[in-house]
PDB file of all heavy atoms in Angstrom:
ATOM      1  N   GLY A   1      15.820  87.948  68.786  1.00  0.00           N
ATOM      2  CA  GLY A   1      16.321  89.246  69.227  1.00  0.00           C
ATOM      3  C   GLY A   1      16.097  90.401  68.294  1.00  0.00           C
ATOM      4  O   GLY A   1      16.325  91.541  68.685  1.00  0.00           O
ATOM      5  N   GLU A   2      15.696  90.155  67.058  1.00  0.00           N
ATOM      6  CA  GLU A   2      15.410  91.263  66.171  1.00  0.00           C
ATOM      7  C   GLU A   2      14.140  91.986  66.629  1.00  0.00           C
ATOM      8  O   GLU A   2      13.319  91.426  67.322  1.00  0.00           O
ATOM      9  CB  GLU A   2      15.259  90.778  64.727  1.00  0.00           C
ATOM     10  CG  GLU A   2      16.565  90.382  64.069  1.00  0.00           C
ATOM     11  CD  GLU A   2      16.425  90.176  62.577  1.00  0.00           C
ATOM     12  OE1 GLU A   2      15.273  90.061  62.093  1.00  0.00           O
ATOM     13  OE2 GLU A   2      17.438  90.088  61.904  1.00  0.00           O
ATOM     14  N   GLU A   3      14.019  93.232  66.183  1.00  0.00           N
ATOM     15  CA  GLU A   3      12.881  94.062  66.542  1.00  0.00           C
ATOM     16  C   GLU A   3      12.735  94.227  68.048  1.00  0.00           C
ATOM     17  O   GLU A   3      11.634  94.376  68.573  1.00  0.00           O
ATOM     18  CB  GLU A   3      11.565  93.497  65.948  1.00  0.00           C
ATOM     19  CG  GLU A   3      11.538  93.413  64.432  1.00  0.00           C
ATOM     20  CD  GLU A   3      10.183  93.015  63.896  1.00  0.00           C
ATOM     21  OE1 GLU A   3       9.186  93.608  64.339  1.00  0.00           O
ATOM     22  OE2 GLU A   3      10.126  92.114  63.041  1.00  0.00           O
ATOM     23  N   MET A   4      13.872  94.177  68.754  1.00  0.00           N
ATOM     24  CA  MET A   4      13.839  94.383  70.210  1.00  0.00           C
ATOM     25  C   MET A   4      14.751  95.552  70.601  1.00  0.00           C
ATOM     26  O   MET A   4      15.777  95.783  69.945  1.00  0.00           O
ATOM     27  CB  MET A   4      14.304  93.123  70.959  1.00  0.00           C
ATOM     28  CG  MET A   4      13.340  91.974  70.909  1.00  0.00           C
ATOM     29  SD  MET A   4      13.848  90.680  72.080  1.00  0.00           S
ATOM     30  CE  MET A   4      13.411  91.468  73.645  1.00  0.00           C
ATOM     31  N   GLU A   5      14.392  96.238  71.651  1.00  0.00           N
ATOM     32  CA  GLU A   5      15.260  97.253  72.198  1.00  0.00           C
ATOM     33  C   GLU A   5      16.410  96.575  72.953  1.00  0.00           C
ATOM     34  O   GLU A   5      16.235  95.524  73.592  1.00  0.00           O
ATOM     35  CB  GLU A   5      14.483  98.168  73.169  1.00  0.00           C
ATOM     36  CG  GLU A   5      13.335  98.901  72.515  1.00  0.00           C
ATOM     37  CD  GLU A   5      13.790  99.992  71.552  1.00  0.00           C
ATOM     38  OE1 GLU A   5      14.983 100.386  71.635  1.00  0.00           O
ATOM     39  OE2 GLU A   5      12.949 100.463  70.759  1.00  0.00           O
ATOM     40  N   ALA A   6      17.595  97.166  72.876  1.00  0.00           N
ATOM     41  CA  ALA A   6      18.788  96.578  73.502  1.00  0.00           C
ATOM     42  C   ALA A   6      18.581  96.372  75.007  1.00  0.00           C
ATOM     43  O   ALA A   6      19.030  95.363  75.575  1.00  0.00           O
ATOM     44  CB  ALA A   6      20.002  97.433  73.232  1.00  0.00           C
ATOM     45  N   GLU A   7      17.892  97.264  75.638  1.00  0.00           N
ATOM     46  CA  GLU A   7      17.734  97.158  77.105  1.00  0.00           C
ATOM     47  C   GLU A   7      16.844  95.999  77.519  1.00  0.00           C
ATOM     48  O   GLU A   7      16.847  95.566  78.681  1.00  0.00           O
ATOM     49  CB  GLU A   7      17.165  98.465  77.651  1.00  0.00           C
ATOM     50  CG  GLU A   7      15.752  98.792  77.163  1.00  0.00           C
ATOM     51  CD  GLU A   7      15.351 100.228  77.436  1.00  0.00           C
ATOM     52  OE1 GLU A   7      15.846 101.114  76.706  1.00  0.00           O
ATOM     53  OE2 GLU A   7      14.595 100.433  78.390  1.00  0.00           O
ATOM     54  N   ASP A   8      16.040  95.460  76.567  1.00  0.00           N
ATOM     55  CA  ASP A   8      15.168  94.317  76.892  1.00  0.00           C
ATOM     56  C   ASP A   8      15.833  92.967  76.610  1.00  0.00           C
ATOM     57  O   ASP A   8      15.343  91.967  77.072  1.00  0.00           O
ATOM     58  CB  ASP A   8      13.879  94.388  76.053  1.00  0.00           C
ATOM     59  CG  ASP A   8      12.942  95.501  76.517  1.00  0.00           C
ATOM     60  OD1 ASP A   8      12.942  95.777  77.731  1.00  0.00           O
ATOM     61  OD2 ASP A   8      12.248  96.087  75.661  1.00  0.00           O
ATOM     62  N   LYS A   9      16.950  92.963  75.880  1.00  0.00           N
ATOM     63  CA  LYS A   9      17.560  91.691  75.492  1.00  0.00           C
ATOM     64  C   LYS A   9      18.131  90.876  76.658  1.00  0.00           C
ATOM     65  O   LYS A   9      18.179  89.636  76.544  1.00  0.00           O
ATOM     66  CB  LYS A   9      18.616  91.934  74.424  1.00  0.00           C
ATOM     67  CG  LYS A   9      18.017  92.386  73.089  1.00  0.00           C
ATOM     68  CD  LYS A   9      19.057  92.500  71.991  1.00  0.00           C
ATOM     69  CE  LYS A   9      18.393  92.907  70.680  1.00  0.00           C
ATOM     70  NZ  LYS A   9      19.391  93.043  69.565  1.00  0.00           N
ATOM     71  N   PRO A  10      18.539  91.448  77.759  1.00  0.00           N
ATOM     72  CA  PRO A  10      18.939  90.603  78.885  1.00  0.00           C
ATOM     73  C   PRO A  10      17.791  89.782  79.499  1.00  0.00           C
ATOM     74  O   PRO A  10      18.022  88.845  80.249  1.00  0.00           O
ATOM     75  CB  PRO A  10      19.500  91.601  79.908  1.00  0.00           C
ATOM     76  CG  PRO A  10      19.930  92.780  79.094  1.00  0.00           C
ATOM     77  CD  PRO A  10      18.918  92.850  77.995  1.00  0.00           C
ATOM     78  N   ASN A  11      16.564  90.156  79.172  1.00  0.00           N
ATOM     79  CA  ASN A  11      15.375  89.447  79.660  1.00  0.00           C
ATOM     80  C   ASN A  11      15.140  88.267  78.721  1.00  0.00           C
ATOM     81  O   ASN A  11      14.548  88.407  77.642  1.00  0.00           O
ATOM     82  CB  ASN A  11      14.170  90.375  79.682  1.00  0.00           C
ATOM     83  CG  ASN A  11      12.917  89.718  80.213  1.00  0.00           C
ATOM     84  OD1 ASN A  11      12.798  88.501  80.246  1.00  0.00           O
ATOM     85  ND2 ASN A  11      11.957  90.533  80.629  1.00  0.00           N
ATOM     86  N   LEU A  12      15.589  87.089  79.128  1.00  0.00           N
ATOM     87  CA  LEU A  12      15.538  85.910  78.250  1.00  0.00           C
ATOM     88  C   LEU A  12      14.102  85.570  77.862  1.00  0.00           C
ATOM     89  O   LEU A  12      13.826  85.203  76.715  1.00  0.00           O
ATOM     90  CB  LEU A  12      16.173  84.715  78.949  1.00  0.00           C
ATOM     91  CG  LEU A  12      16.291  83.427  78.114  1.00  0.00           C
ATOM     92  CD1 LEU A  12      17.170  83.664  76.905  1.00  0.00           C
ATOM     93  CD2 LEU A  12      16.844  82.294  78.985  1.00  0.00           C
ATOM     94  N   TRP A  13      13.171  85.685  78.805  1.00  0.00           N
ATOM     95  CA  TRP A  13      11.782  85.387  78.479  1.00  0.00           C
ATOM     96  C   TRP A  13      11.260  86.359  77.401  1.00  0.00           C
ATOM     97  O   TRP A  13      10.519  85.976  76.507  1.00  0.00           O
ATOM     98  CB  TRP A  13      10.919  85.493  79.717  1.00  0.00           C
ATOM     99  CG  TRP A  13      10.668  84.238  80.505  1.00  0.00           C
ATOM    100  CD1 TRP A  13       9.638  84.022  81.365  1.00  0.00           C
ATOM    101  CD2 TRP A  13      11.423  83.008  80.516  1.00  0.00           C
ATOM    102  NE1 TRP A  13       9.701  82.758  81.931  1.00  0.00           N
ATOM    103  CE2 TRP A  13      10.805  82.116  81.427  1.00  0.00           C
ATOM    104  CE3 TRP A  13      12.594  82.593  79.880  1.00  0.00           C
ATOM    105  CZ2 TRP A  13      11.280  80.849  81.685  1.00  0.00           C
ATOM    106  CZ3 TRP A  13      13.065  81.307  80.135  1.00  0.00           C
ATOM    107  CH2 TRP A  13      12.425  80.453  81.024  1.00  0.00           C
ATOM    108  N   ALA A  14      11.640  87.637  77.489  1.00  0.00           N
ATOM    109  CA  ALA A  14      11.228  88.627  76.508  1.00  0.00           C
ATOM    110  C   ALA A  14      11.786  88.295  75.139  1.00  0.00           C
ATOM    111  O   ALA A  14      11.097  88.439  74.118  1.00  0.00           O
ATOM    112  CB  ALA A  14      11.658  90.021  76.940  1.00  0.00           C
ATOM    113  N   VAL A  15      13.043  87.833  75.097  1.00  0.00           N
ATOM    114  CA  VAL A  15      13.659  87.487  73.803  1.00  0.00           C
ATOM    115  C   VAL A  15      12.878  86.361  73.137  1.00  0.00           C
ATOM    116  O   VAL A  15      12.558  86.403  71.940  1.00  0.00           O
ATOM    117  CB  VAL A  15      15.139  87.066  74.005  1.00  0.00           C
ATOM    118  CG1 VAL A  15      15.680  86.495  72.702  1.00  0.00           C
ATOM    119  CG2 VAL A  15      15.959  88.269  74.449  1.00  0.00           C
ATOM    120  N   TYR A  16      12.519  85.347  73.918  1.00  0.00           N
ATOM    121  CA  TYR A  16      11.776  84.213  73.317  1.00  0.00           C
ATOM    122  C   TYR A  16      10.320  84.607  73.001  1.00  0.00           C
ATOM    123  O   TYR A  16       9.767  84.124  72.013  1.00  0.00           O
ATOM    124  CB  TYR A  16      11.822  82.992  74.248  1.00  0.00           C
ATOM    125  CG  TYR A  16      13.058  82.183  74.009  1.00  0.00           C
ATOM    126  CD1 TYR A  16      14.197  82.389  74.796  1.00  0.00           C
ATOM    127  CD2 TYR A  16      13.133  81.289  72.961  1.00  0.00           C
ATOM    128  CE1 TYR A  16      15.363  81.672  74.559  1.00  0.00           C
ATOM    129  CE2 TYR A  16      14.287  80.564  72.714  1.00  0.00           C
ATOM    130  CZ  TYR A  16      15.407  80.756  73.515  1.00  0.00           C
ATOM    131  OH  TYR A  16      16.546  80.052  73.242  1.00  0.00           O
ATOM    132  N   ASP A  17       9.718  85.464  73.814  1.00  0.00           N
ATOM    133  CA  ASP A  17       8.385  85.930  73.501  1.00  0.00           C
ATOM    134  C   ASP A  17       8.388  86.670  72.166  1.00  0.00           C
ATOM    135  O   ASP A  17       7.522  86.431  71.297  1.00  0.00           O
ATOM    136  CB  ASP A  17       7.885  86.837  74.619  1.00  0.00           C
ATOM    137  CG  ASP A  17       6.503  87.390  74.343  1.00  0.00           C
ATOM    138  OD1 ASP A  17       5.546  86.581  74.197  1.00  0.00           O
ATOM    139  OD2 ASP A  17       6.344  88.633  74.292  1.00  0.00           O
ATOM    140  N   ASN A  18       9.334  87.560  71.988  1.00  0.00           N
ATOM    141  CA  ASN A  18       9.474  88.303  70.743  1.00  0.00           C
ATOM    142  C   ASN A  18       9.746  87.384  69.553  1.00  0.00           C
ATOM    143  O   ASN A  18       9.129  87.504  68.483  1.00  0.00           O
ATOM    144  CB  ASN A  18      10.611  89.334  70.895  1.00  0.00           C
ATOM    145  CG  ASN A  18      10.870  90.106  69.631  1.00  0.00           C
ATOM    146  OD1 ASN A  18      11.553  89.622  68.740  1.00  0.00           O
ATOM    147  ND2 ASN A  18      10.359  91.335  69.569  1.00  0.00           N
ATOM    148  N   TYR A  19      10.626  86.403  69.767  1.00  0.00           N
ATOM    149  CA  TYR A  19      10.981  85.457  68.706  1.00  0.00           C
ATOM    150  C   TYR A  19       9.769  84.624  68.293  1.00  0.00           C
ATOM    151  O   TYR A  19       9.461  84.486  67.099  1.00  0.00           O
ATOM    152  CB  TYR A  19      12.119  84.552  69.190  1.00  0.00           C
ATOM    153  CG  TYR A  19      12.390  83.338  68.324  1.00  0.00           C
ATOM    154  CD1 TYR A  19      12.945  83.489  67.072  1.00  0.00           C
ATOM    155  CD2 TYR A  19      12.105  82.059  68.777  1.00  0.00           C
ATOM    156  CE1 TYR A  19      13.217  82.386  66.263  1.00  0.00           C
ATOM    157  CE2 TYR A  19      12.369  80.951  67.992  1.00  0.00           C
ATOM    158  CZ  TYR A  19      12.918  81.112  66.769  1.00  0.00           C
ATOM    159  OH  TYR A  19      13.179  80.018  65.988  1.00  0.00           O
ATOM    160  N   ILE A  20       9.084  84.049  69.275  1.00  0.00           N
ATOM    161  CA  ILE A  20       7.941  83.193  68.967  1.00  0.00           C
ATOM    162  C   ILE A  20       6.839  83.990  68.291  1.00  0.00           C
ATOM    163  O   ILE A  20       6.225  83.515  67.341  1.00  0.00           O
ATOM    164  CB  ILE A  20       7.434  82.521  70.263  1.00  0.00           C
ATOM    165  CG1 ILE A  20       8.477  81.505  70.748  1.00  0.00           C
ATOM    166  CG2 ILE A  20       6.090  81.856  70.048  1.00  0.00           C
ATOM    167  CD1 ILE A  20       8.212  81.008  72.163  1.00  0.00           C
ATOM    168  N   ASP A  21       6.587  85.207  68.758  1.00  0.00           N
ATOM    169  CA  ASP A  21       5.570  86.029  68.135  1.00  0.00           C
ATOM    170  C   ASP A  21       5.888  86.259  66.651  1.00  0.00           C
ATOM    171  O   ASP A  21       5.008  86.186  65.793  1.00  0.00           O
ATOM    172  CB  ASP A  21       5.447  87.393  68.821  1.00  0.00           C
ATOM    173  CG  ASP A  21       4.687  87.311  70.124  1.00  0.00           C
ATOM    174  OD1 ASP A  21       4.101  86.242  70.425  1.00  0.00           O
ATOM    175  OD2 ASP A  21       4.666  88.305  70.877  1.00  0.00           O
ATOM    176  N   ARG A  22       7.147  86.561  66.344  1.00  0.00           N
ATOM    177  CA  ARG A  22       7.533  86.846  64.968  1.00  0.00           C
ATOM    178  C   ARG A  22       7.471  85.568  64.107  1.00  0.00           C
ATOM    179  O   ARG A  22       7.146  85.623  62.919  1.00  0.00           O
ATOM    180  CB  ARG A  22       8.904  87.504  64.897  1.00  0.00           C
ATOM    181  CG  ARG A  22       8.861  88.938  65.420  1.00  0.00           C
ATOM    182  CD  ARG A  22      10.178  89.667  65.286  1.00  0.00           C
ATOM    183  NE  ARG A  22      11.222  89.103  66.124  1.00  0.00           N
ATOM    184  CZ  ARG A  22      12.320  88.486  65.686  1.00  0.00           C
ATOM    185  NH1 ARG A  22      12.514  88.382  64.378  1.00  0.00           N
ATOM    186  NH2 ARG A  22      13.200  88.000  66.530  1.00  0.00           N
ATOM    187  N   VAL A  23       7.781  84.413  64.701  1.00  0.00           N
ATOM    188  CA  VAL A  23       7.598  83.140  63.997  1.00  0.00           C
ATOM    189  C   VAL A  23       6.128  82.944  63.619  1.00  0.00           C
ATOM    190  O   VAL A  23       5.776  82.584  62.505  1.00  0.00           O
ATOM    191  CB  VAL A  23       8.080  81.951  64.868  1.00  0.00           C
ATOM    192  CG1 VAL A  23       7.608  80.622  64.291  1.00  0.00           C
ATOM    193  CG2 VAL A  23       9.608  81.978  64.957  1.00  0.00           C
ATOM    194  N   VAL A  24       5.252  83.222  64.579  1.00  0.00           N
ATOM    195  CA  VAL A  24       3.827  83.026  64.346  1.00  0.00           C
ATOM    196  C   VAL A  24       3.305  84.040  63.321  1.00  0.00           C
ATOM    197  O   VAL A  24       2.442  83.675  62.479  1.00  0.00           O
ATOM    198  CB  VAL A  24       3.065  83.127  65.676  1.00  0.00           C
ATOM    199  CG1 VAL A  24       1.570  83.191  65.458  1.00  0.00           C
ATOM    200  CG2 VAL A  24       3.421  81.944  66.560  1.00  0.00           C
ATOM    201  N   VAL A  25       3.774  85.263  63.348  1.00  0.00           N
ATOM    202  CA  VAL A  25       3.393  86.237  62.293  1.00  0.00           C
ATOM    203  C   VAL A  25       3.697  85.682  60.925  1.00  0.00           C
ATOM    204  O   VAL A  25       2.873  85.747  60.001  1.00  0.00           O
ATOM    205  CB  VAL A  25       4.123  87.568  62.538  1.00  0.00           C
ATOM    206  CG1 VAL A  25       4.077  88.458  61.303  1.00  0.00           C
ATOM    207  CG2 VAL A  25       3.514  88.319  63.732  1.00  0.00           C
ATOM    208  N   LYS A  26       4.889  85.099  60.723  1.00  0.00           N
ATOM    209  CA  LYS A  26       5.248  84.521  59.428  1.00  0.00           C
ATOM    210  C   LYS A  26       4.349  83.329  59.081  1.00  0.00           C
ATOM    211  O   LYS A  26       3.934  83.162  57.949  1.00  0.00           O
ATOM    212  CB  LYS A  26       6.719  84.101  59.446  1.00  0.00           C
ATOM    213  CG  LYS A  26       7.724  85.237  59.436  1.00  0.00           C
ATOM    214  CD  LYS A  26       9.131  84.688  59.334  1.00  0.00           C
ATOM    215  CE  LYS A  26      10.171  85.814  59.330  1.00  0.00           C
ATOM    216  NZ  LYS A  26      11.542  85.275  59.193  1.00  0.00           N
ATOM    217  N   CYS A  27       4.086  82.512  60.089  1.00  0.00           N
ATOM    218  CA  CYS A  27       3.236  81.333  59.859  1.00  0.00           C
ATOM    219  C   CYS A  27       1.838  81.753  59.396  1.00  0.00           C
ATOM    220  O   CYS A  27       1.318  81.211  58.416  1.00  0.00           O
ATOM    221  CB  CYS A  27       3.170  80.526  61.151  1.00  0.00           C
ATOM    222  SG  CYS A  27       2.022  79.121  61.120  1.00  0.00           S
ATOM    223  N   VAL A  28       1.251  82.709  60.102  1.00  0.00           N
ATOM    224  CA  VAL A  28      -0.094  83.178  59.746  1.00  0.00           C
ATOM    225  C   VAL A  28      -0.103  83.755  58.331  1.00  0.00           C
ATOM    226  O   VAL A  28      -0.972  83.463  57.504  1.00  0.00           O
ATOM    227  CB  VAL A  28      -0.594  84.219  60.746  1.00  0.00           C
ATOM    228  CG1 VAL A  28      -1.909  84.852  60.275  1.00  0.00           C
ATOM    229  CG2 VAL A  28      -0.801  83.576  62.137  1.00  0.00           C
ATOM    230  N   ASN A  29       0.912  84.582  58.026  1.00  0.00           N
ATOM    231  CA  ASN A  29       0.973  85.179  56.698  1.00  0.00           C
ATOM    232  C   ASN A  29       1.151  84.118  55.590  1.00  0.00           C
ATOM    233  O   ASN A  29       0.612  84.269  54.479  1.00  0.00           O
ATOM    234  CB  ASN A  29       2.134  86.176  56.608  1.00  0.00           C
ATOM    235  CG  ASN A  29       1.785  87.519  57.234  1.00  0.00           C
ATOM    236  OD1 ASN A  29       0.654  87.942  57.191  1.00  0.00           O
ATOM    237  ND2 ASN A  29       2.774  88.184  57.796  1.00  0.00           N
ATOM    238  N   ALA A  30       1.859  83.028  55.884  1.00  0.00           N
ATOM    239  CA  ALA A  30       2.134  82.023  54.866  1.00  0.00           C
ATOM    240  C   ALA A  30       0.904  81.218  54.520  1.00  0.00           C
ATOM    241  O   ALA A  30       0.701  80.853  53.339  1.00  0.00           O
ATOM    242  CB  ALA A  30       3.240  81.090  55.356  1.00  0.00           C
ATOM    243  N   VAL A  31       0.056  80.905  55.495  1.00  0.00           N
ATOM    244  CA  VAL A  31      -1.065  80.014  55.193  1.00  0.00           C
ATOM    245  C   VAL A  31      -2.390  80.752  54.900  1.00  0.00           C
ATOM    246  O   VAL A  31      -3.303  80.164  54.312  1.00  0.00           O
ATOM    247  CB  VAL A  31      -1.296  79.017  56.350  1.00  0.00           C
ATOM    248  CG1 VAL A  31      -0.121  78.077  56.475  1.00  0.00           C
ATOM    249  CG2 VAL A  31      -1.566  79.725  57.670  1.00  0.00           C
ATOM    250  N   THR A  32      -2.448  82.009  55.239  1.00  0.00           N
ATOM    251  CA  THR A  32      -3.707  82.744  55.094  1.00  0.00           C
ATOM    252  C   THR A  32      -4.215  82.864  53.678  1.00  0.00           C
ATOM    253  O   THR A  32      -5.412  82.635  53.419  1.00  0.00           O
ATOM    254  CB  THR A  32      -3.609  84.145  55.750  1.00  0.00           C
ATOM    255  OG1 THR A  32      -3.474  83.982  57.176  1.00  0.00           O
ATOM    256  CG2 THR A  32      -4.835  84.990  55.460  1.00  0.00           C
ATOM    257  N   PRO A  33      -3.387  83.187  52.669  1.00  0.00           N
ATOM    258  CA  PRO A  33      -3.933  83.352  51.326  1.00  0.00           C
ATOM    259  C   PRO A  33      -4.666  82.095  50.802  1.00  0.00           C
ATOM    260  O   PRO A  33      -5.689  82.218  50.138  1.00  0.00           O
ATOM    261  CB  PRO A  33      -2.689  83.648  50.485  1.00  0.00           C
ATOM    262  CG  PRO A  33      -1.737  84.278  51.449  1.00  0.00           C
ATOM    263  CD  PRO A  33      -1.942  83.549  52.721  1.00  0.00           C
ATOM    264  N   LYS A  34      -4.174  80.913  51.149  1.00  0.00           N
ATOM    265  CA  LYS A  34      -4.781  79.690  50.656  1.00  0.00           C
ATOM    266  C   LYS A  34      -5.995  79.254  51.457  1.00  0.00           C
ATOM    267  O   LYS A  34      -6.956  78.707  50.893  1.00  0.00           O
ATOM    268  CB  LYS A  34      -3.745  78.545  50.653  1.00  0.00           C
ATOM    269  CG  LYS A  34      -4.273  77.191  50.239  1.00  0.00           C
ATOM    270  CD  LYS A  34      -3.169  76.144  50.213  1.00  0.00           C
ATOM    271  CE  LYS A  34      -3.718  74.758  49.855  1.00  0.00           C
ATOM    272  NZ  LYS A  34      -2.627  73.754  49.824  1.00  0.00           N
ATOM    273  N   TRP A  35      -5.990  79.497  52.763  1.00  0.00           N
ATOM    274  CA  TRP A  35      -6.954  78.856  53.647  1.00  0.00           C
ATOM    275  C   TRP A  35      -8.023  79.743  54.220  1.00  0.00           C
ATOM    276  O   TRP A  35      -9.046  79.234  54.706  1.00  0.00           O
ATOM    277  CB  TRP A  35      -6.202  78.143  54.784  1.00  0.00           C
ATOM    278  CG  TRP A  35      -5.462  76.944  54.298  1.00  0.00           C
ATOM    279  CD1 TRP A  35      -4.130  76.822  54.057  1.00  0.00           C
ATOM    280  CD2 TRP A  35      -6.060  75.690  53.940  1.00  0.00           C
ATOM    281  NE1 TRP A  35      -3.836  75.568  53.572  1.00  0.00           N
ATOM    282  CE2 TRP A  35      -5.019  74.847  53.496  1.00  0.00           C
ATOM    283  CE3 TRP A  35      -7.352  75.184  53.987  1.00  0.00           C
ATOM    284  CZ2 TRP A  35      -5.232  73.550  53.083  1.00  0.00           C
ATOM    285  CZ3 TRP A  35      -7.581  73.879  53.557  1.00  0.00           C
ATOM    286  CH2 TRP A  35      -6.529  73.070  53.108  1.00  0.00           C
ATOM    287  N   GLN A  36      -7.895  81.044  54.221  1.00  0.00           N
ATOM    288  CA  GLN A  36      -8.880  81.871  54.922  1.00  0.00           C
ATOM    289  C   GLN A  36     -10.284  81.780  54.320  1.00  0.00           C
ATOM    290  O   GLN A  36     -11.272  81.974  55.040  1.00  0.00           O
ATOM    291  CB  GLN A  36      -8.420  83.324  55.007  1.00  0.00           C
ATOM    292  CG  GLN A  36      -8.419  84.088  53.695  1.00  0.00           C
ATOM    293  CD  GLN A  36      -8.064  85.561  53.902  1.00  0.00           C
ATOM    294  OE1 GLN A  36      -8.034  86.043  55.016  1.00  0.00           O
ATOM    295  NE2 GLN A  36      -7.779  86.240  52.815  1.00  0.00           N
ATOM    296  N   SER A  37     -10.399  81.449  53.032  1.00  0.00           N
ATOM    297  CA  SER A  37     -11.707  81.306  52.427  1.00  0.00           C
ATOM    298  C   SER A  37     -12.193  79.878  52.340  1.00  0.00           C
ATOM    299  O   SER A  37     -13.309  79.609  51.905  1.00  0.00           O
ATOM    300  CB  SER A  37     -11.707  81.909  51.011  1.00  0.00           C
ATOM    301  OG  SER A  37     -10.792  81.225  50.183  1.00  0.00           O
ATOM    302  N   ARG A  38     -11.353  78.916  52.807  1.00  0.00           N
ATOM    303  CA  ARG A  38     -11.718  77.489  52.688  1.00  0.00           C
ATOM    304  C   ARG A  38     -12.199  76.888  53.981  1.00  0.00           C
ATOM    305  O   ARG A  38     -12.951  75.890  53.944  1.00  0.00           O
ATOM    306  CB  ARG A  38     -10.489  76.682  52.187  1.00  0.00           C
ATOM    307  CG  ARG A  38     -10.107  76.979  50.742  1.00  0.00           C
ATOM    308  CD  ARG A  38      -8.963  76.118  50.298  1.00  0.00           C
ATOM    309  NE  ARG A  38      -9.287  74.688  50.310  1.00  0.00           N
ATOM    310  CZ  ARG A  38      -8.399  73.729  50.028  1.00  0.00           C
ATOM    311  NH1 ARG A  38      -7.180  74.017  49.674  1.00  0.00           N
ATOM    312  NH2 ARG A  38      -8.787  72.463  50.062  1.00  0.00           N
ATOM    313  N   LEU A  39     -11.808  77.434  55.112  1.00  0.00           N
ATOM    314  CA  LEU A  39     -12.202  76.862  56.402  1.00  0.00           C
ATOM    315  C   LEU A  39     -13.034  77.878  57.177  1.00  0.00           C
ATOM    316  O   LEU A  39     -12.603  79.019  57.412  1.00  0.00           O
ATOM    317  CB  LEU A  39     -10.958  76.517  57.232  1.00  0.00           C
ATOM    318  CG  LEU A  39     -10.068  75.411  56.694  1.00  0.00           C
ATOM    319  CD1 LEU A  39      -8.840  75.255  57.600  1.00  0.00           C
ATOM    320  CD2 LEU A  39     -10.796  74.090  56.574  1.00  0.00           C
ATOM    321  N   ALA A  40     -14.225  77.487  57.565  1.00  0.00           N
ATOM    322  CA  ALA A  40     -15.053  78.354  58.417  1.00  0.00           C
ATOM    323  C   ALA A  40     -14.352  78.578  59.741  1.00  0.00           C
ATOM    324  O   ALA A  40     -13.732  77.686  60.292  1.00  0.00           O
ATOM    325  CB  ALA A  40     -16.422  77.710  58.651  1.00  0.00           C
ATOM    326  N   GLY A  41     -14.436  79.804  60.243  1.00  0.00           N
ATOM    327  CA  GLY A  41     -13.782  80.147  61.496  1.00  0.00           C
ATOM    328  C   GLY A  41     -12.268  80.215  61.397  1.00  0.00           C
ATOM    329  O   GLY A  41     -11.568  80.179  62.422  1.00  0.00           O
TER     330      GLY A  41
END
């Protein structure tokens, strides 16, 4: 629910879409420094 407008929070699918996206942002940021130069593609 963070980084969401209050009027969108009753939309359960939107809440989970926002949550999952922010989880993935953290995941990408955590592994990128070590791996972006080690794996092609």
